[in-house]
Amino acid sequence: MDYTGIKCPVCGVPFRSGDDIVVCPECGAPYHRACYQEKGQCIFEELHKAGKAWEPPAPPKAPDPSAEIKDRECPVCGTLNAHSALFCSVCGASLTGEPRQYNNTNPGRGQGAAPYGQAYQNQGTPPPFTGYGGTVPPFSFDPMGGVSPAEVLDTGVTFGDASKLVKQNTAYYMPVFRHIKHTGKNKFNFTAFLFSGPWMLFRKQYKYGTLVTVLMFALYTAFQCSLYLGAYPVLVDLMGQIGMDSTQMMYPTNAQYMAMAQLASPTQMLLMCLPLLLAGAMLIVMVIVGFRANKMYMRHCIRTAQAVKAAGNDGDPNNTLDAKGGVNAPLAICLGVCYLIILNLPLWLL
């Protein structure tokens, strides 16, 4: 039996590895040899008379966190934890002021599991952290995407500050922001490519979101007008000139297209090509937004966080970041409904 750490019943000093220990042959109680020789016999006579064996003392009971006062505030996410807690129950950050390499680690990620193939050096795997509260799910998932909330994103701004502004989908945006910071290269945002201006407004980038939305609306309106008021009447007129019945919904052959092209004037050709040019312009805007969206959003978060901290308002700046962060879902829903109405308006009018 390993008696290391158990106290000698005579001197009260815990046994250490390598101590000269003797054991009572009757009850099994351990002693330092010198202590046993000092007493000359086992001190547990009552066990001998009762025919019982000596048992090591039970370990002290661990404090029940649920019964303790929650007065230890997490320095990272602000959650109140039990008085004896060493790590935050929400984000896993150390509550003892130790460096972040001693924080709780995510068991699902190991060395070399950093985003974009970058290994974590001398800090272990970052703890699960949302940046805005919430419960850590009971499976291997890091809401920060492997980025430490204490890591600096820009002057006076950490990734934890940025996560309070992003809130939704931090597991995507935090690694992307880190990649942009370290490499200077952007990542294509497919959602921003599809929705452009509305995506920016959804992410509370109201200035650029309004500009892009107005531009896309103007291009789309011009596209619809050029299609139904310009290209379509010209096409019907040319089809009539070559003897086609436009009411039969027949598609012209290549030869018929060539015949119409020879009959069309330069103005008619321009009217025929204008919808394609406008559609191409919309596509160019969407591609530019898709490529620039993540970097613009990162700069938006940095500027907002720096402005909040520079304002020096009374109270915790984290509360202000929480209030300014997140998404504007009602505006996104309203824009979606308006988009569907505008998209189907020509069909209703015709």
Protein backbone atom coordinates (compact mmCIF):
# COMPACT_ATOMS: atom_id res chain seq x y z
CA MET A 1 0.00 0.00 0.00
CA ASP A 2 1.22 3.50 -0.79
CA TYR A 3 1.14 5.56 2.41
CA THR A 4 2.48 8.76 0.78
CA GLY A 5 0.60 11.79 2.14
CA ILE A 6 -1.00 9.91 5.08
CA LYS A 7 -0.06 11.35 8.47
CA CYS A 8 1.87 9.27 10.99
CA PRO A 9 -0.46 8.68 13.97
CA VAL A 10 2.37 9.51 16.41
CA CYS A 11 4.12 12.62 15.06
CA GLY A 12 1.43 13.79 12.61
CA VAL A 13 3.96 14.33 9.80
CA PRO A 14 2.75 13.03 6.39
CA PHE A 15 4.68 10.09 4.98
CA ARG A 16 6.89 10.88 2.01
CA SER A 17 8.33 8.67 -0.69
CA GLY A 18 11.43 6.91 0.69
CA ASP A 19 10.49 7.18 4.41
CA ASP A 20 11.30 4.18 6.61
CA ILE A 21 7.79 2.96 7.46
CA VAL A 22 6.77 0.03 9.64
CA VAL A 23 3.26 -1.45 9.79
CA CYS A 24 1.51 -3.00 12.80
CA PRO A 25 1.08 -6.71 12.06
CA GLU A 26 -2.27 -6.81 13.83
CA CYS A 27 -4.23 -3.79 12.53
CA GLY A 28 -2.02 -2.56 9.67
CA ALA A 29 -1.45 0.98 11.03
CA PRO A 30 1.68 2.63 9.51
CA TYR A 31 4.35 4.45 11.57
CA HIS A 32 7.71 6.04 11.07
CA ARG A 33 10.15 3.44 12.40
CA ALA A 34 11.50 5.95 14.91
CA CYS A 35 7.98 6.83 16.08
CA TYR A 36 7.04 3.17 16.55
CA GLN A 37 10.25 2.50 18.50
CA GLU A 38 9.52 5.58 20.64
CA LYS A 39 6.08 4.21 21.62
CA GLY A 40 7.26 0.63 21.78
CA GLN A 41 3.92 -0.70 20.51
CA CYS A 42 0.91 0.12 18.33
CA ILE A 43 -1.24 2.84 19.83
CA PHE A 44 -4.48 1.39 18.44
CA GLU A 45 -5.14 -1.17 21.19
CA GLU A 46 -8.90 -0.70 20.87
CA LEU A 47 -8.72 -1.94 17.25
CA HIS A 48 -6.77 -5.01 18.36
CA LYS A 49 -9.36 -5.85 21.04
CA ALA A 50 -12.24 -5.39 18.57
CA GLY A 51 -10.46 -7.38 15.88
CA LYS A 52 -10.69 -4.48 13.40
CA ALA A 53 -8.15 -3.22 10.91
CA TRP A 54 -6.76 0.29 10.70
CA GLU A 55 -8.17 2.41 7.84
CA PRO A 56 -6.69 5.61 6.42
CA PRO A 57 -8.63 8.80 7.23
CA ALA A 58 -11.22 9.86 4.66
CA PRO A 59 -10.12 12.73 2.40
CA PRO A 60 -11.64 16.14 3.14
CA LYS A 61 -14.91 16.88 1.40
CA ALA A 62 -14.65 19.16 -1.59
CA PRO A 63 -16.76 22.30 -1.27
CA ASP A 64 -20.08 22.23 -3.09
CA PRO A 65 -19.95 25.06 -5.68
CA SER A 66 -23.75 25.25 -5.87
CA ALA A 67 -23.95 26.04 -2.15
CA GLU A 68 -21.25 28.72 -2.20
CA ILE A 69 -21.62 32.44 -2.63
CA LYS A 70 -20.90 33.46 -6.23
CA ASP A 71 -18.52 36.36 -5.70
CA ARG A 72 -15.63 35.60 -8.09
CA GLU A 73 -16.12 37.61 -11.26
CA CYS A 74 -14.48 36.33 -14.45
CA PRO A 75 -12.02 38.96 -15.78
CA VAL A 76 -12.83 37.94 -19.36
CA CYS A 77 -16.61 37.46 -19.69
CA GLY A 78 -17.82 38.90 -16.35
CA THR A 79 -19.66 35.78 -15.14
CA LEU A 80 -19.97 35.39 -11.35
CA ASN A 81 -18.53 32.06 -10.16
CA ALA A 82 -18.46 30.16 -6.85
CA HIS A 83 -16.03 31.43 -4.20
CA SER A 84 -13.72 28.39 -4.48
CA ALA A 85 -13.78 28.17 -8.29
CA LEU A 86 -10.42 28.33 -10.08
CA PHE A 87 -11.79 28.64 -13.62
CA CYS A 88 -14.82 30.37 -15.11
CA SER A 89 -17.79 28.03 -15.63
CA VAL A 90 -18.72 29.81 -18.89
CA CYS A 91 -15.54 30.69 -20.79
CA GLY A 92 -12.93 28.64 -18.89
CA ALA A 93 -10.67 31.61 -18.12
CA SER A 94 -8.46 31.48 -15.01
CA LEU A 95 -9.92 33.22 -11.95
CA THR A 96 -6.61 33.31 -10.06
CA GLY A 97 -4.79 35.78 -12.27
CA GLU A 98 -2.59 33.12 -13.83
CA PRO A 99 -1.39 33.49 -17.44
CA ARG A 100 -3.81 32.27 -20.06
CA GLN A 101 -1.71 29.18 -20.83
CA TYR A 102 -3.05 27.76 -17.52
CA ASN A 103 -6.68 28.28 -18.48
CA ASN A 104 -8.96 25.30 -18.97
CA THR A 105 -8.34 23.78 -22.40
CA ASN A 106 -10.69 22.52 -25.03
CA PRO A 107 -10.29 18.70 -25.16
CA GLY A 108 -11.34 18.60 -28.78
CA ARG A 109 -8.39 20.61 -30.06
CA GLY A 110 -4.69 19.92 -29.73
CA GLN A 111 -1.32 21.29 -30.66
CA GLY A 112 -1.27 22.42 -34.27
CA ALA A 113 -5.06 22.78 -34.44
CA ALA A 114 -4.93 26.55 -34.82
CA PRO A 115 -6.89 28.11 -37.70
CA TYR A 116 -5.25 28.03 -41.12
CA GLY A 117 -2.61 25.56 -39.94
CA GLN A 118 -0.90 27.84 -37.38
CA ALA A 119 0.23 25.95 -34.27
CA TYR A 120 -0.35 27.51 -30.85
CA GLN A 121 2.97 28.21 -29.17
CA ASN A 122 3.51 28.06 -25.40
CA GLN A 123 -0.10 28.69 -24.59
CA GLY A 124 -1.98 25.44 -25.13
CA THR A 125 -5.36 25.38 -26.77
CA PRO A 126 -7.48 28.48 -26.03
CA PRO A 127 -10.49 27.93 -23.76
CA PRO A 128 -14.04 27.91 -25.07
CA PHE A 129 -15.26 31.52 -25.07
CA THR A 130 -18.21 33.27 -26.58
CA GLY A 131 -17.30 36.86 -25.77
CA TYR A 132 -20.88 37.70 -24.84
CA GLY A 133 -21.95 35.09 -22.27
CA GLY A 134 -23.92 31.89 -22.83
CA THR A 135 -23.39 28.28 -21.88
CA VAL A 136 -20.53 26.20 -23.21
CA PRO A 137 -22.13 23.25 -25.05
CA PRO A 138 -21.45 19.70 -23.80
CA PHE A 139 -19.34 18.82 -26.84
CA SER A 140 -16.06 19.90 -28.34
CA PHE A 141 -16.85 23.33 -29.78
CA ASP A 142 -14.97 26.58 -29.42
CA PRO A 143 -17.15 29.66 -30.08
CA MET A 144 -13.98 31.72 -30.64
CA GLY A 145 -12.80 29.36 -33.39
CA GLY A 146 -9.47 28.70 -31.66
CA VAL A 147 -8.60 32.36 -31.06
CA SER A 148 -7.74 33.57 -27.55
CA PRO A 149 -10.02 36.42 -26.38
CA ALA A 150 -7.00 38.14 -24.81
CA GLU A 151 -5.08 38.29 -28.12
CA VAL A 152 -4.68 41.82 -29.49
CA LEU A 153 -6.54 42.55 -32.73
CA ASP A 154 -5.55 46.21 -33.06
CA THR A 155 -4.45 49.10 -30.87
CA GLY A 156 -6.51 48.92 -27.68
CA VAL A 157 -8.80 46.21 -29.07
CA THR A 158 -8.68 42.48 -28.30
CA PHE A 159 -10.44 39.62 -30.03
CA GLY A 160 -12.65 39.40 -26.94
CA ASP A 161 -13.82 42.97 -27.61
CA ALA A 162 -14.49 42.12 -31.26
CA SER A 163 -16.46 39.02 -30.30
CA LYS A 164 -18.81 41.16 -28.18
CA LEU A 165 -19.61 43.16 -31.32
CA VAL A 166 -19.88 40.16 -33.65
CA LYS A 167 -21.84 37.91 -31.24
CA GLN A 168 -23.51 35.66 -33.82
CA ASN A 169 -21.12 33.32 -35.67
CA THR A 170 -17.93 34.31 -33.82
CA ALA A 171 -16.50 30.87 -34.62
CA TYR A 172 -16.30 31.99 -38.27
CA TYR A 173 -15.34 35.65 -37.93
CA MET A 174 -12.66 35.43 -35.20
CA PRO A 175 -10.34 33.08 -37.18
CA VAL A 176 -10.98 35.12 -40.33
CA PHE A 177 -10.05 38.36 -38.51
CA ARG A 178 -6.91 36.68 -37.19
CA HIS A 179 -6.00 35.44 -40.68
CA ILE A 180 -6.45 38.94 -42.13
CA LYS A 181 -4.35 40.45 -39.33
CA HIS A 182 -1.43 38.04 -39.75
CA THR A 183 -1.40 37.65 -43.54
CA GLY A 184 -3.12 40.78 -44.86
CA LYS A 185 -5.13 38.53 -47.19
CA ASN A 186 -8.90 38.56 -47.26
CA LYS A 187 -11.38 35.69 -47.21
CA PHE A 188 -14.34 35.56 -49.59
CA ASN A 189 -17.69 35.94 -47.79
CA PHE A 190 -20.31 34.05 -49.79
CA THR A 191 -23.23 35.42 -47.74
CA ALA A 192 -22.10 39.00 -48.36
CA PHE A 193 -21.73 38.14 -52.07
CA LEU A 194 -25.35 36.96 -52.28
CA PHE A 195 -26.96 39.73 -50.21
CA SER A 196 -24.41 42.60 -50.40
CA GLY A 197 -26.03 45.73 -48.94
CA PRO A 198 -28.62 43.89 -46.79
CA TRP A 199 -25.82 41.81 -45.27
CA MET A 200 -23.98 44.98 -44.27
CA LEU A 201 -27.12 46.44 -42.72
CA PHE A 202 -27.75 43.12 -40.95
CA ARG A 203 -24.25 43.41 -39.46
CA LYS A 204 -24.95 47.03 -38.39
CA GLN A 205 -22.61 48.61 -40.95
CA TYR A 206 -25.24 51.20 -41.71
CA LYS A 207 -23.14 53.71 -43.67
CA TYR A 208 -21.71 51.36 -46.31
CA GLY A 209 -24.76 49.12 -46.15
CA THR A 210 -27.03 52.00 -47.14
CA LEU A 211 -24.73 53.04 -50.01
CA VAL A 212 -24.49 49.53 -51.44
CA THR A 213 -28.21 48.86 -50.99
CA VAL A 214 -29.15 52.09 -52.77
CA LEU A 215 -26.68 51.34 -55.58
CA MET A 216 -27.97 47.78 -56.04
CA PHE A 217 -31.59 48.98 -55.95
CA ALA A 218 -30.84 51.61 -58.59
CA LEU A 219 -29.08 49.08 -60.82
CA TYR A 220 -31.88 46.54 -60.39
CA THR A 221 -34.57 49.15 -61.15
CA ALA A 222 -32.66 50.25 -64.24
CA PHE A 223 -32.30 46.61 -65.26
CA GLN A 224 -36.04 45.97 -64.98
CA CYS A 225 -36.93 49.16 -66.83
CA SER A 226 -34.44 48.51 -69.64
CA LEU A 227 -35.70 44.93 -69.94
CA TYR A 228 -39.44 45.55 -70.04
CA LEU A 229 -39.48 49.06 -71.54
CA GLY A 230 -36.52 48.80 -73.92
CA ALA A 231 -35.23 45.35 -74.85
CA TYR A 232 -38.54 43.51 -74.85
CA PRO A 233 -40.43 45.93 -77.19
CA VAL A 234 -37.42 46.04 -79.54
CA LEU A 235 -37.27 42.23 -79.62
CA VAL A 236 -41.02 42.00 -80.40
CA ASP A 237 -40.65 44.56 -83.19
CA LEU A 238 -37.70 42.74 -84.78
CA MET A 239 -39.47 39.40 -84.51
CA GLY A 240 -42.41 40.91 -86.39
CA GLN A 241 -40.13 42.22 -89.11
CA ILE A 242 -38.74 38.74 -89.84
CA GLY A 243 -42.19 37.16 -89.78
CA MET A 244 -42.18 35.57 -86.31
CA ASP A 245 -45.31 35.55 -84.17
CA SER A 246 -44.19 36.80 -80.72
CA THR A 247 -47.49 35.63 -79.16
CA GLN A 248 -46.54 31.98 -79.78
CA MET A 249 -43.63 32.18 -77.26
CA MET A 250 -41.23 30.60 -79.76
CA TYR A 251 -37.48 30.96 -79.24
CA PRO A 252 -35.65 32.36 -82.27
CA THR A 253 -33.08 30.17 -83.97
CA ASN A 254 -29.51 31.30 -84.62
CA ALA A 255 -30.41 32.21 -88.17
CA GLN A 256 -33.37 34.30 -86.98
CA TYR A 257 -31.12 36.05 -84.44
CA MET A 258 -28.69 36.89 -87.22
CA ALA A 259 -31.53 38.26 -89.32
CA MET A 260 -32.77 40.45 -86.46
CA ALA A 261 -29.23 41.70 -85.78
CA GLN A 262 -28.93 42.82 -89.43
CA LEU A 263 -32.26 44.68 -89.22
CA ALA A 264 -31.58 46.32 -85.84
CA SER A 265 -30.32 49.89 -85.68
CA PRO A 266 -27.46 50.90 -83.31
CA THR A 267 -30.01 52.32 -80.87
CA GLN A 268 -32.00 49.09 -80.89
CA MET A 269 -28.81 47.06 -80.36
CA LEU A 270 -27.94 49.25 -77.38
CA LEU A 271 -31.40 48.74 -75.91
CA MET A 272 -31.03 44.99 -76.40
CA CYS A 273 -27.63 44.89 -74.68
CA LEU A 274 -28.42 47.35 -71.85
CA PRO A 275 -30.05 44.74 -69.52
CA LEU A 276 -26.97 42.53 -69.83
CA LEU A 277 -24.67 45.45 -69.04
CA LEU A 278 -26.72 46.35 -65.96
CA ALA A 279 -26.82 42.72 -64.79
CA GLY A 280 -23.03 42.59 -65.21
CA ALA A 281 -22.66 45.77 -63.15
CA MET A 282 -24.72 44.21 -60.33
CA LEU A 283 -22.58 41.09 -60.46
CA ILE A 284 -19.39 43.17 -60.23
CA VAL A 285 -20.71 44.99 -57.14
CA MET A 286 -21.65 41.65 -55.53
CA VAL A 287 -18.20 40.17 -56.21
CA ILE A 288 -16.42 43.25 -54.82
CA VAL A 289 -18.54 43.13 -51.65
CA GLY A 290 -17.92 39.39 -51.31
CA PHE A 291 -14.15 39.89 -51.44
CA ARG A 292 -14.06 43.01 -49.24
CA ALA A 293 -16.80 42.18 -46.71
CA ASN A 294 -14.72 40.47 -44.01
CA LYS A 295 -11.99 43.12 -43.96
CA MET A 296 -14.58 45.92 -43.89
CA TYR A 297 -16.44 44.20 -41.05
CA MET A 298 -13.19 43.74 -39.09
CA ARG A 299 -12.37 47.43 -39.45
CA HIS A 300 -15.93 48.31 -38.43
CA CYS A 301 -15.53 46.27 -35.22
CA ILE A 302 -12.13 47.83 -34.49
CA ARG A 303 -13.40 51.39 -35.00
CA THR A 304 -16.49 50.77 -32.88
CA ALA A 305 -14.49 49.20 -30.02
CA GLN A 306 -11.90 51.99 -30.08
CA ALA A 307 -14.63 54.64 -30.06
CA VAL A 308 -16.39 53.00 -27.10
CA LYS A 309 -13.17 52.79 -25.08
CA ALA A 310 -12.09 56.32 -26.00
CA ALA A 311 -15.46 57.75 -24.93
CA GLY A 312 -14.68 56.83 -21.31
CA ASN A 313 -18.33 56.49 -20.31
CA ASP A 314 -19.08 55.57 -16.73
CA GLY A 315 -19.52 51.88 -16.08
CA ASP A 316 -18.18 48.83 -17.80
CA PRO A 317 -17.32 49.36 -21.52
CA ASN A 318 -18.20 45.70 -22.08
CA ASN A 319 -21.85 46.58 -21.54
CA THR A 320 -21.63 49.27 -24.23
CA LEU A 321 -19.96 46.83 -26.62
CA ASP A 322 -22.70 44.28 -25.95
CA ALA A 323 -25.36 46.92 -26.67
CA LYS A 324 -23.72 48.02 -29.93
CA GLY A 325 -22.89 44.47 -31.07
CA GLY A 326 -24.91 41.70 -32.63
CA VAL A 327 -27.10 41.89 -35.69
CA ASN A 328 -30.18 43.81 -36.77
CA ALA A 329 -32.57 40.96 -37.56
CA PRO A 330 -35.78 43.06 -37.96
CA LEU A 331 -34.10 45.21 -40.60
CA ALA A 332 -32.89 42.11 -42.44
CA ILE A 333 -36.40 40.63 -42.47
CA CYS A 334 -37.88 43.90 -43.70
CA LEU A 335 -35.32 44.13 -46.52
CA GLY A 336 -36.00 40.51 -47.47
CA VAL A 337 -39.73 41.17 -47.80
CA CYS A 338 -39.08 44.33 -49.85
CA TYR A 339 -36.69 42.39 -52.10
CA LEU A 340 -39.32 39.72 -52.80
CA ILE A 341 -41.93 42.38 -53.56
CA ILE A 342 -39.62 44.22 -55.98
CA LEU A 343 -38.52 40.94 -57.59
CA ASN A 344 -42.09 39.90 -58.34
CA LEU A 345 -43.49 43.35 -59.09
CA PRO A 346 -42.99 43.04 -62.89
CA LEU A 347 -44.87 39.74 -62.90
CA TRP A 348 -47.80 41.28 -61.01
CA LEU A 349 -47.91 44.31 -63.30
CA LEU A 350 -47.80 42.17 -66.44
